[in-house]
């Protein structure tokens, strides 16, 4: 099967460094509005192609950690909930300590 491109597609060949880094050609960065320095995401399509998409806001990151877990098997949502619980407990402890100190001063 021959791999052909339509007239609307363009192609550039770039090198990949030993660290896995590749430079997005200026023409494509300008066309996509990719700032430098900046961030992009790579998306695999149902057809198996890899597409580079610019990240313009935090919303563009939504779903990037879906189905990913840490070394303890926790999802990003679970880790965030645990972190929030620890923060709340720490805040409550600090409030209690200040309340105790204020009572001692009275």
PDB file of N, CA and C in Angstrom:
ATOM      1  N   UNK A   1       0.848  -1.177   0.000  1.00  0.00           N
ATOM      2  CA  UNK A   1       0.000   0.000   0.000  1.00  0.00           C
ATOM      3  C   UNK A   1       0.886   1.231   0.000  1.00  0.00           C
ATOM      4  N   UNK A   2       0.603   2.145  -0.895  1.00  0.00           N
ATOM      5  CA  UNK A   2       1.389   3.371  -1.014  1.00  0.00           C
ATOM      6  C   UNK A   2       0.819   4.429  -0.091  1.00  0.00           C
ATOM      7  N   UNK A   3       1.699   5.160   0.578  1.00  0.00           N
ATOM      8  CA  UNK A   3       1.284   6.211   1.496  1.00  0.00           C
ATOM      9  C   UNK A   3       1.387   7.537   0.769  1.00  0.00           C
ATOM     10  N   UNK A   4       0.249   8.115   0.395  1.00  0.00           N
ATOM     11  CA  UNK A   4       0.266   9.376  -0.332  1.00  0.00           C
ATOM     12  C   UNK A   4      -0.367  10.461   0.513  1.00  0.00           C
ATOM     13  N   UNK A   5      -0.038  11.705   0.202  1.00  0.00           N
ATOM     14  CA  UNK A   5      -0.554  12.837   0.937  1.00  0.00           C
ATOM     15  C   UNK A   5      -1.407  13.682   0.015  1.00  0.00           C
ATOM     16  N   UNK A   6      -2.451  14.286   0.584  1.00  0.00           N
ATOM     17  CA  UNK A   6      -3.278  15.172  -0.216  1.00  0.00           C
ATOM     18  C   UNK A   6      -2.558  16.500  -0.376  1.00  0.00           C
ATOM     19  N   UNK A   7      -3.098  17.348  -1.243  1.00  0.00           N
ATOM     20  CA  UNK A   7      -2.491  18.659  -1.465  1.00  0.00           C
ATOM     21  C   UNK A   7      -2.560  19.530  -0.220  1.00  0.00           C
ATOM     22  N   UNK A   8      -3.549  19.262   0.653  1.00  0.00           N
ATOM     23  CA  UNK A   8      -3.695  20.073   1.862  1.00  0.00           C
ATOM     24  C   UNK A   8      -2.715  19.655   2.960  1.00  0.00           C
ATOM     25  N   UNK A   9      -2.075  18.514   2.814  1.00  0.00           N
ATOM     26  CA  UNK A   9      -1.115  18.048   3.810  1.00  0.00           C
ATOM     27  C   UNK A   9       0.288  18.480   3.419  1.00  0.00           C
ATOM     28  N   UNK A  10       1.118  18.722   4.420  1.00  0.00           N
ATOM     29  CA  UNK A  10       2.524  18.986   4.150  1.00  0.00           C
ATOM     30  C   UNK A  10       3.339  18.121   5.087  1.00  0.00           C
ATOM     31  N   UNK A  11       4.589  17.948   4.742  1.00  0.00           N
ATOM     32  CA  UNK A  11       5.433  17.007   5.461  1.00  0.00           C
ATOM     33  C   UNK A  11       6.811  17.606   5.663  1.00  0.00           C
ATOM     34  N   UNK A  12       7.361  17.421   6.844  1.00  0.00           N
ATOM     35  CA  UNK A  12       8.728  17.834   7.158  1.00  0.00           C
ATOM     36  C   UNK A  12       9.389  16.686   7.895  1.00  0.00           C
ATOM     37  N   UNK A  13      10.626  16.432   7.613  1.00  0.00           N
ATOM     38  CA  UNK A  13      11.394  15.419   8.326  1.00  0.00           C
ATOM     39  C   UNK A  13      12.295  16.143   9.317  1.00  0.00           C
ATOM     40  N   UNK A  14      12.252  15.706  10.589  1.00  0.00           N
ATOM     41  CA  UNK A  14      13.088  16.300  11.624  1.00  0.00           C
ATOM     42  C   UNK A  14      13.873  15.199  12.317  1.00  0.00           C
ATOM     43  N   UNK A  15      14.967  15.581  12.927  1.00  0.00           N
ATOM     44  CA  UNK A  15      15.784  14.630  13.682  1.00  0.00           C
ATOM     45  C   UNK A  15      15.259  14.522  15.108  1.00  0.00           C
ATOM     46  N   UNK A  16      15.487  13.375  15.709  1.00  0.00           N
ATOM     47  CA  UNK A  16      15.150  13.159  17.109  1.00  0.00           C
ATOM     48  C   UNK A  16      16.458  12.969  17.854  1.00  0.00           C
ATOM     49  N   UNK A  17      16.651  13.752  18.917  1.00  0.00           N
ATOM     50  CA  UNK A  17      17.899  13.700  19.671  1.00  0.00           C
ATOM     51  C   UNK A  17      17.969  12.433  20.517  1.00  0.00           C
ATOM     52  N   UNK A  18      19.122  12.200  21.110  1.00  0.00           N
ATOM     53  CA  UNK A  18      19.313  11.047  21.992  1.00  0.00           C
ATOM     54  C   UNK A  18      18.368  11.117  23.191  1.00  0.00           C
ATOM     55  N   UNK A  19      17.936  12.317  23.534  1.00  0.00           N
ATOM     56  CA  UNK A  19      16.998  12.506  24.656  1.00  0.00           C
ATOM     57  C   UNK A  19      15.539  12.419  24.203  1.00  0.00           C
ATOM     58  N   UNK A  20      15.305  12.085  22.945  1.00  0.00           N
ATOM     59  CA  UNK A  20      13.945  11.942  22.437  1.00  0.00           C
ATOM     60  C   UNK A  20      13.298  13.252  22.042  1.00  0.00           C
ATOM     61  N   UNK A  21      14.079  14.291  21.884  1.00  0.00           N
ATOM     62  CA  UNK A  21      13.532  15.602  21.551  1.00  0.00           C
ATOM     63  C   UNK A  21      13.568  15.838  20.045  1.00  0.00           C
ATOM     64  N   UNK A  22      12.499  16.451  19.552  1.00  0.00           N
ATOM     65  CA  UNK A  22      12.407  16.817  18.140  1.00  0.00           C
ATOM     66  C   UNK A  22      11.942  18.262  18.075  1.00  0.00           C
ATOM     67  N   UNK A  23      12.414  18.980  17.104  1.00  0.00           N
ATOM     68  CA  UNK A  23      12.013  20.374  16.929  1.00  0.00           C
ATOM     69  C   UNK A  23      10.850  20.446  15.953  1.00  0.00           C
ATOM     70  N   UNK A  24       9.778  21.094  16.382  1.00  0.00           N
ATOM     71  CA  UNK A  24       8.626  21.291  15.499  1.00  0.00           C
ATOM     72  C   UNK A  24       9.009  22.419  14.540  1.00  0.00           C
ATOM     73  N   UNK A  25       8.943  22.162  13.243  1.00  0.00           N
ATOM     74  CA  UNK A  25       9.330  23.200  12.277  1.00  0.00           C
ATOM     75  C   UNK A  25       8.558  24.503  12.488  1.00  0.00           C
ATOM     76  N   UNK A  26       9.233  25.619  12.283  1.00  0.00           N
ATOM     77  CA  UNK A  26       8.662  26.946  12.497  1.00  0.00           C
ATOM     78  C   UNK A  26       7.343  27.113  11.747  1.00  0.00           C
ATOM     79  N   UNK A  27       7.296  26.652  10.533  1.00  0.00           N
ATOM     80  CA  UNK A  27       6.077  26.743   9.714  1.00  0.00           C
ATOM     81  C   UNK A  27       4.876  26.132  10.444  1.00  0.00           C
ATOM     82  N   UNK A  28       5.074  24.963  11.058  1.00  0.00           N
ATOM     83  CA  UNK A  28       3.988  24.293  11.771  1.00  0.00           C
ATOM     84  C   UNK A  28       3.676  25.006  13.089  1.00  0.00           C
ATOM     85  N   UNK A  29       4.718  25.460  13.808  1.00  0.00           N
ATOM     86  CA  UNK A  29       4.485  26.189  15.070  1.00  0.00           C
ATOM     87  C   UNK A  29       3.649  27.436  14.816  1.00  0.00           C
ATOM     88  N   UNK A  30       4.003  28.168  13.767  1.00  0.00           N
ATOM     89  CA  UNK A  30       3.261  29.389  13.444  1.00  0.00           C
ATOM     90  C   UNK A  30       1.820  29.067  13.046  1.00  0.00           C
ATOM     91  N   UNK A  31       1.648  28.052  12.228  1.00  0.00           N
ATOM     92  CA  UNK A  31       0.315  27.667  11.762  1.00  0.00           C
ATOM     93  C   UNK A  31      -0.579  27.234  12.922  1.00  0.00           C
ATOM     94  N   UNK A  32       0.005  26.513  13.890  1.00  0.00           N
ATOM     95  CA  UNK A  32      -0.767  26.012  15.023  1.00  0.00           C
ATOM     96  C   UNK A  32      -0.822  26.997  16.190  1.00  0.00           C
ATOM     97  N   UNK A  33      -0.047  28.077  16.105  1.00  0.00           N
ATOM     98  CA  UNK A  33      -0.025  29.043  17.192  1.00  0.00           C
ATOM     99  C   UNK A  33       0.693  28.525  18.423  1.00  0.00           C
ATOM    100  N   UNK A  34       1.721  27.719  18.236  1.00  0.00           N
ATOM    101  CA  UNK A  34       2.475  27.152  19.351  1.00  0.00           C
ATOM    102  C   UNK A  34       3.525  28.159  19.795  1.00  0.00           C
ATOM    103  N   UNK A  35       3.399  28.603  21.034  1.00  0.00           N
ATOM    104  CA  UNK A  35       4.350  29.553  21.606  1.00  0.00           C
ATOM    105  C   UNK A  35       5.642  28.827  21.981  1.00  0.00           C
ATOM    106  N   UNK A  36       6.754  29.557  21.995  1.00  0.00           N
ATOM    107  CA  UNK A  36       8.016  28.988  22.468  1.00  0.00           C
ATOM    108  C   UNK A  36       8.563  29.885  23.569  1.00  0.00           C
ATOM    109  N   UNK A  37       8.912  29.377  24.725  1.00  0.00           N
ATOM    110  CA  UNK A  37       8.668  27.971  25.063  1.00  0.00           C
ATOM    111  C   UNK A  37       7.172  27.737  25.248  1.00  0.00           C
ATOM    112  N   UNK A  38       6.758  26.529  25.068  1.00  0.00           N
ATOM    113  CA  UNK A  38       5.357  26.198  25.194  1.00  0.00           C
ATOM    114  C   UNK A  38       5.174  24.709  25.390  1.00  0.00           C
ATOM    115  N   UNK A  39       3.924  24.288  25.340  1.00  0.00           N
ATOM    116  CA  UNK A  39       3.611  22.878  25.532  1.00  0.00           C
ATOM    117  C   UNK A  39       2.674  22.421  24.421  1.00  0.00           C
ATOM    118  N   UNK A  40       2.821  21.181  24.034  1.00  0.00           N
ATOM    119  CA  UNK A  40       1.933  20.543  23.071  1.00  0.00           C
ATOM    120  C   UNK A  40       1.563  19.172  23.620  1.00  0.00           C
ATOM    121  N   UNK A  41       0.525  18.597  23.056  1.00  0.00           N
ATOM    122  CA  UNK A  41       0.222  17.217  23.421  1.00  0.00           C
ATOM    123  C   UNK A  41       0.195  16.384  22.150  1.00  0.00           C
ATOM    124  N   UNK A  42       0.551  15.120  22.305  1.00  0.00           N
ATOM    125  CA  UNK A  42       0.538  14.178  21.201  1.00  0.00           C
ATOM    126  C   UNK A  42      -0.687  13.295  21.386  1.00  0.00           C
ATOM    127  N   UNK A  43      -1.480  13.167  20.326  1.00  0.00           N
ATOM    128  CA  UNK A  43      -2.713  12.395  20.384  1.00  0.00           C
ATOM    129  C   UNK A  43      -2.656  11.314  19.315  1.00  0.00           C
ATOM    130  N   UNK A  44      -2.952  10.082  19.725  1.00  0.00           N
ATOM    131  CA  UNK A  44      -3.027   8.988  18.746  1.00  0.00           C
ATOM    132  C   UNK A  44      -4.475   8.895  18.267  1.00  0.00           C
ATOM    133  N   UNK A  45      -4.666   8.981  16.958  1.00  0.00           N
ATOM    134  CA  UNK A  45      -6.018   8.908  16.390  1.00  0.00           C
ATOM    135  C   UNK A  45      -6.441   7.451  16.258  1.00  0.00           C
ATOM    136  N   UNK A  46      -7.730   7.251  15.996  1.00  0.00           N
ATOM    137  CA  UNK A  46      -8.233   5.896  15.779  1.00  0.00           C
ATOM    138  C   UNK A  46      -7.553   5.230  14.587  1.00  0.00           C
ATOM    139  N   UNK A  47      -7.098   6.048  13.641  1.00  0.00           N
ATOM    140  CA  UNK A  47      -6.415   5.515  12.459  1.00  0.00           C
ATOM    141  C   UNK A  47      -4.954   5.162  12.758  1.00  0.00           C
ATOM    142  N   UNK A  48      -4.480   5.493  13.969  1.00  0.00           N
ATOM    143  CA  UNK A  48      -3.108   5.170  14.341  1.00  0.00           C
ATOM    144  C   UNK A  48      -2.107   6.284  14.084  1.00  0.00           C
ATOM    145  N   UNK A  49      -2.578   7.408  13.581  1.00  0.00           N
ATOM    146  CA  UNK A  49      -1.688   8.547  13.346  1.00  0.00           C
ATOM    147  C   UNK A  49      -1.426   9.266  14.668  1.00  0.00           C
ATOM    148  N   UNK A  50      -0.283   9.922  14.751  1.00  0.00           N
ATOM    149  CA  UNK A  50       0.046  10.750  15.903  1.00  0.00           C
ATOM    150  C   UNK A  50      -0.120  12.197  15.472  1.00  0.00           C
ATOM    151  N   UNK A  51      -0.922  12.947  16.224  1.00  0.00           N
ATOM    152  CA  UNK A  51      -1.214  14.332  15.900  1.00  0.00           C
ATOM    153  C   UNK A  51      -0.666  15.212  17.018  1.00  0.00           C
ATOM    154  N   UNK A  52      -0.039  16.331  16.650  1.00  0.00           N
ATOM    155  CA  UNK A  52       0.461  17.297  17.621  1.00  0.00           C
ATOM    156  C   UNK A  52      -0.577  18.392  17.754  1.00  0.00           C
ATOM    157  N   UNK A  53      -0.992  18.654  19.009  1.00  0.00           N
ATOM    158  CA  UNK A  53      -1.977  19.709  19.251  1.00  0.00           C
ATOM    159  C   UNK A  53      -1.425  20.697  20.262  1.00  0.00           C
ATOM    160  N   UNK A  54      -1.595  21.976  20.002  1.00  0.00           N
ATOM    161  CA  UNK A  54      -1.124  22.976  20.967  1.00  0.00           C
ATOM    162  C   UNK A  54      -1.979  22.957  22.223  1.00  0.00           C
ATOM    163  N   UNK A  55      -1.376  23.290  23.344  1.00  0.00           N
ATOM    164  CA  UNK A  55      -2.112  23.444  24.594  1.00  0.00           C
ATOM    165  C   UNK A  55      -2.245  24.938  24.827  1.00  0.00           C
ATOM    166  N   UNK A  56      -3.464  25.417  24.776  1.00  0.00           N
ATOM    167  CA  UNK A  56      -3.710  26.848  24.934  1.00  0.00           C
ATOM    168  C   UNK A  56      -4.247  27.184  26.315  1.00  0.00           C
ATOM    169  N   UNK A  57      -4.839  26.183  26.980  1.00  0.00           N
ATOM    170  CA  UNK A  57      -5.363  26.416  28.325  1.00  0.00           C
ATOM    171  C   UNK A  57      -5.297  25.118  29.113  1.00  0.00           C
ATOM    172  N   UNK A  58      -5.563  25.225  30.395  1.00  0.00           N
ATOM    173  CA  UNK A  58      -5.555  24.046  31.262  1.00  0.00           C
ATOM    174  C   UNK A  58      -6.607  23.043  30.790  1.00  0.00           C
ATOM    175  N   UNK A  59      -7.699  23.525  30.214  1.00  0.00           N
ATOM    176  CA  UNK A  59      -8.751  22.625  29.731  1.00  0.00           C
ATOM    177  C   UNK A  59      -8.226  21.662  28.671  1.00  0.00           C
ATOM    178  N   UNK A  60      -7.202  22.085  27.928  1.00  0.00           N
ATOM    179  CA  UNK A  60      -6.623  21.220  26.894  1.00  0.00           C
ATOM    180  C   UNK A  60      -5.937  19.997  27.494  1.00  0.00           C
ATOM    181  N   UNK A  61      -5.636  20.051  28.791  1.00  0.00           N
ATOM    182  CA  UNK A  61      -4.985  18.927  29.463  1.00  0.00           C
ATOM    183  C   UNK A  61      -5.992  17.920  30.011  1.00  0.00           C
ATOM    184  N   UNK A  62      -7.263  18.265  29.971  1.00  0.00           N
ATOM    185  CA  UNK A  62      -8.295  17.392  30.530  1.00  0.00           C
ATOM    186  C   UNK A  62      -8.196  16.000  29.917  1.00  0.00           C
ATOM    187  N   UNK A  63      -8.203  14.994  30.785  1.00  0.00           N
ATOM    188  CA  UNK A  63      -8.188  13.608  30.332  1.00  0.00           C
ATOM    189  C   UNK A  63      -6.816  13.039  30.068  1.00  0.00           C
ATOM    190  N   UNK A  64      -5.777  13.859  30.203  1.00  0.00           N
ATOM    191  CA  UNK A  64      -4.430  13.384  29.865  1.00  0.00           C
ATOM    192  C   UNK A  64      -3.956  12.274  30.812  1.00  0.00           C
ATOM    193  N   UNK A  65      -4.479  12.253  32.033  1.00  0.00           N
ATOM    194  CA  UNK A  65      -4.078  11.231  33.004  1.00  0.00           C
ATOM    195  C   UNK A  65      -5.116  10.119  33.156  1.00  0.00           C
ATOM    196  N   UNK A  66      -6.135  10.133  32.303  1.00  0.00           N
ATOM    197  CA  UNK A  66      -7.156   9.102  32.387  1.00  0.00           C
ATOM    198  C   UNK A  66      -6.521   7.723  32.230  1.00  0.00           C
ATOM    199  N   UNK A  67      -6.944   6.812  33.067  1.00  0.00           N
ATOM    200  CA  UNK A  67      -6.458   5.422  33.054  1.00  0.00           C
ATOM    201  C   UNK A  67      -4.997   5.297  33.460  1.00  0.00           C
ATOM    202  N   UNK A  68      -4.405   6.357  34.011  1.00  0.00           N
ATOM    203  CA  UNK A  68      -3.030   6.300  34.489  1.00  0.00           C
ATOM    204  C   UNK A  68      -3.062   6.177  36.012  1.00  0.00           C
ATOM    205  N   UNK A  69      -2.147   5.394  36.558  1.00  0.00           N
ATOM    206  CA  UNK A  69      -2.063   5.245  38.009  1.00  0.00           C
ATOM    207  C   UNK A  69      -0.618   5.400  38.454  1.00  0.00           C
ATOM    208  N   UNK A  70      -0.457   5.701  39.734  1.00  0.00           N
ATOM    209  CA  UNK A  70       0.895   5.798  40.286  1.00  0.00           C
ATOM    210  C   UNK A  70       1.376   4.417  40.706  1.00  0.00           C
ATOM    211  N   UNK A  71       2.539   4.370  41.330  1.00  0.00           N
ATOM    212  CA  UNK A  71       3.130   3.093  41.726  1.00  0.00           C
ATOM    213  C   UNK A  71       2.293   2.356  42.768  1.00  0.00           C
ATOM    214  N   UNK A  72       1.363   3.063  43.412  1.00  0.00           N
ATOM    215  CA  UNK A  72       0.480   2.437  44.400  1.00  0.00           C
ATOM    216  C   UNK A  72      -0.898   2.131  43.824  1.00  0.00           C
ATOM    217  N   UNK A  73      -1.052   2.309  42.516  1.00  0.00           N
ATOM    218  CA  UNK A  73      -2.300   1.991  41.848  1.00  0.00           C
ATOM    219  C   UNK A  73      -3.387   3.038  41.987  1.00  0.00           C
ATOM    220  N   UNK A  74      -3.027   4.250  42.452  1.00  0.00           N
ATOM    221  CA  UNK A  74      -4.015   5.315  42.636  1.00  0.00           C
ATOM    222  C   UNK A  74      -4.124   6.172  41.380  1.00  0.00           C
ATOM    223  N   UNK A  75      -5.359   6.560  41.058  1.00  0.00           N
ATOM    224  CA  UNK A  75      -5.566   7.462  39.927  1.00  0.00           C
ATOM    225  C   UNK A  75      -5.199   8.875  40.354  1.00  0.00           C
ATOM    226  N   UNK A  76      -5.095   9.782  39.385  1.00  0.00           N
ATOM    227  CA  UNK A  76      -4.791  11.177  39.691  1.00  0.00           C
ATOM    228  C   UNK A  76      -5.885  11.774  40.569  1.00  0.00           C
ATOM    229  N   UNK A  77      -7.138  11.403  40.338  1.00  0.00           N
ATOM    230  CA  UNK A  77      -8.248  11.906  41.147  1.00  0.00           C
ATOM    231  C   UNK A  77      -8.125  11.429  42.586  1.00  0.00           C
ATOM    232  N   UNK A  78      -7.785  10.160  42.762  1.00  0.00           N
ATOM    233  CA  UNK A  78      -7.614   9.625  44.123  1.00  0.00           C
ATOM    234  C   UNK A  78      -6.472  10.330  44.845  1.00  0.00           C
ATOM    235  N   UNK A  79      -5.378  10.533  44.136  1.00  0.00           N
ATOM    236  CA  UNK A  79      -4.236  11.231  44.749  1.00  0.00           C
ATOM    237  C   UNK A  79      -4.604  12.653  45.133  1.00  0.00           C
ATOM    238  N   UNK A  80      -5.352  13.339  44.272  1.00  0.00           N
ATOM    239  CA  UNK A  80      -5.773  14.703  44.564  1.00  0.00           C
ATOM    240  C   UNK A  80      -6.682  14.740  45.787  1.00  0.00           C
ATOM    241  N   UNK A  81      -7.625  13.808  45.872  1.00  0.00           N
ATOM    242  CA  UNK A  81      -8.513  13.751  47.039  1.00  0.00           C
ATOM    243  C   UNK A  81      -7.711  13.527  48.321  1.00  0.00           C
ATOM    244  N   UNK A  82      -6.755  12.600  48.273  1.00  0.00           N
ATOM    245  CA  UNK A  82      -5.924  12.329  49.446  1.00  0.00           C
ATOM    246  C   UNK A  82      -5.127  13.569  49.844  1.00  0.00           C
ATOM    247  N   UNK A  83      -4.588  14.269  48.865  1.00  0.00           N
ATOM    248  CA  UNK A  83      -3.812  15.476  49.139  1.00  0.00           C
ATOM    249  C   UNK A  83      -4.698  16.549  49.771  1.00  0.00           C
ATOM    250  N   UNK A  84      -5.895  16.688  49.270  1.00  0.00           N
ATOM    251  CA  UNK A  84      -6.826  17.670  49.832  1.00  0.00           C
ATOM    252  C   UNK A  84      -7.193  17.307  51.271  1.00  0.00           C
ATOM    253  N   UNK A  85      -7.383  16.021  51.543  1.00  0.00           N
ATOM    254  CA  UNK A  85      -7.693  15.583  52.909  1.00  0.00           C
ATOM    255  C   UNK A  85      -6.529  15.897  53.846  1.00  0.00           C
ATOM    256  N   UNK A  86      -5.295  15.657  53.387  1.00  0.00           N
ATOM    257  CA  UNK A  86      -4.115  15.977  54.214  1.00  0.00           C
ATOM    258  C   UNK A  86      -4.020  17.478  54.453  1.00  0.00           C
ATOM    259  N   UNK A  87      -4.286  18.274  53.397  1.00  0.00           N
ATOM    260  CA  UNK A  87      -4.249  19.732  53.553  1.00  0.00           C
ATOM    261  C   UNK A  87      -5.295  20.201  54.565  1.00  0.00           C
ATOM    262  N   UNK A  88      -6.491  19.641  54.476  1.00  0.00           N
ATOM    263  CA  UNK A  88      -7.567  20.029  55.391  1.00  0.00           C
ATOM    264  C   UNK A  88      -7.193  19.665  56.826  1.00  0.00           C
ATOM    265  N   UNK A  89      -6.632  18.464  57.023  1.00  0.00           N
ATOM    266  CA  UNK A  89      -6.226  18.037  58.363  1.00  0.00           C
ATOM    267  C   UNK A  89      -5.127  18.947  58.898  1.00  0.00           C
ATOM    268  N   UNK A  90      -4.167  19.317  58.054  1.00  0.00           N
ATOM    269  CA  UNK A  90      -3.085  20.219  58.471  1.00  0.00           C
ATOM    270  C   UNK A  90      -3.633  21.578  58.851  1.00  0.00           C
ATOM    271  N   UNK A  91      -4.551  22.085  58.044  1.00  0.00           N
ATOM    272  CA  UNK A  91      -5.155  23.390  58.320  1.00  0.00           C
ATOM    273  C   UNK A  91      -5.913  23.360  59.647  1.00  0.00           C
ATOM    274  N   UNK A  92      -6.658  22.278  59.871  1.00  0.00           N
ATOM    275  CA  UNK A  92      -7.402  22.153  61.127  1.00  0.00           C
ATOM    276  C   UNK A  92      -6.455  22.085  62.319  1.00  0.00           C
ATOM    277  N   UNK A  93      -5.341  21.407  62.177  1.00  0.00           N
ATOM    278  CA  UNK A  93      -4.355  21.313  63.249  1.00  0.00           C
ATOM    279  C   UNK A  93      -3.752  22.676  63.563  1.00  0.00           C
ATOM    280  N   UNK A  94      -3.424  23.441  62.531  1.00  0.00           N
ATOM    281  CA  UNK A  94      -2.868  24.783  62.734  1.00  0.00           C
ATOM    282  C   UNK A  94      -3.900  25.667  63.436  1.00  0.00           C
ATOM    283  N   UNK A  95      -5.154  25.594  62.998  1.00  0.00           N
ATOM    284  CA  UNK A  95      -6.214  26.391  63.638  1.00  0.00           C
ATOM    285  C   UNK A  95      -6.355  26.010  65.116  1.00  0.00           C
ATOM    286  N   UNK A  96      -6.293  24.708  65.400  1.00  0.00           N
ATOM    287  CA  UNK A  96      -6.405  24.238  66.783  1.00  0.00           C
ATOM    288  C   UNK A  96      -5.247  24.762  67.620  1.00  0.00           C
ATOM    289  N   UNK A  97      -4.045  24.713  67.064  1.00  0.00           N
ATOM    290  CA  UNK A  97      -2.867  25.190  67.801  1.00  0.00           C
ATOM    291  C   UNK A  97      -2.977  26.684  68.110  1.00  0.00           C
ATOM    292  N   UNK A  98      -3.433  27.467  67.128  1.00  0.00           N
ATOM    293  CA  UNK A  98      -3.598  28.900  67.364  1.00  0.00           C
ATOM    294  C   UNK A  98      -4.700  29.182  68.374  1.00  0.00           C
ATOM    295  N   UNK A  99      -5.774  28.384  68.315  1.00  0.00           N
ATOM    296  CA  UNK A  99      -6.856  28.561  69.283  1.00  0.00           C
ATOM    297  C   UNK A  99      -6.361  28.237  70.690  1.00  0.00           C
ATOM    298  N   UNK A 100      -5.573  27.156  70.831  1.00  0.00           N
ATOM    299  CA  UNK A 100      -5.000  26.795  72.127  1.00  0.00           C
ATOM    300  C   UNK A 100      -4.063  27.883  72.636  1.00  0.00           C
ATOM    301  N   UNK A 101      -3.252  28.442  71.750  1.00  0.00           N
ATOM    302  CA  UNK A 101      -2.299  29.497  72.138  1.00  0.00           C
ATOM    303  C   UNK A 101      -3.046  30.750  72.591  1.00  0.00           C
ATOM    304  N   UNK A 102      -4.139  31.094  71.894  1.00  0.00           N
ATOM    305  CA  UNK A 102      -4.929  32.272  72.264  1.00  0.00           C
ATOM    306  C   UNK A 102      -5.610  32.092  73.620  1.00  0.00           C
ATOM    307  N   UNK A 103      -6.054  30.850  73.910  1.00  0.00           N
ATOM    308  CA  UNK A 103      -6.653  30.583  75.208  1.00  0.00           C
ATOM    309  C   UNK A 103      -5.639  30.718  76.336  1.00  0.00           C
ATOM    310  N   UNK A 104      -4.388  30.285  76.064  1.00  0.00           N
ATOM    311  CA  UNK A 104      -3.331  30.372  77.072  1.00  0.00           C
ATOM    312  C   UNK A 104      -2.978  31.831  77.359  1.00  0.00           C
ATOM    313  N   UNK A 105      -3.084  32.698  76.354  1.00  0.00           N
ATOM    314  CA  UNK A 105      -2.766  34.122  76.523  1.00  0.00           C
ATOM    315  C   UNK A 105      -3.869  34.853  77.305  1.00  0.00           C
ATOM    316  N   UNK A 106      -5.070  34.337  77.304  1.00  0.00           N
ATOM    317  CA  UNK A 106      -6.213  35.036  77.931  1.00  0.00           C
ATOM    318  C   UNK A 106      -6.226  34.939  79.427  1.00  0.00           C
TER     319      UNK A 106
END
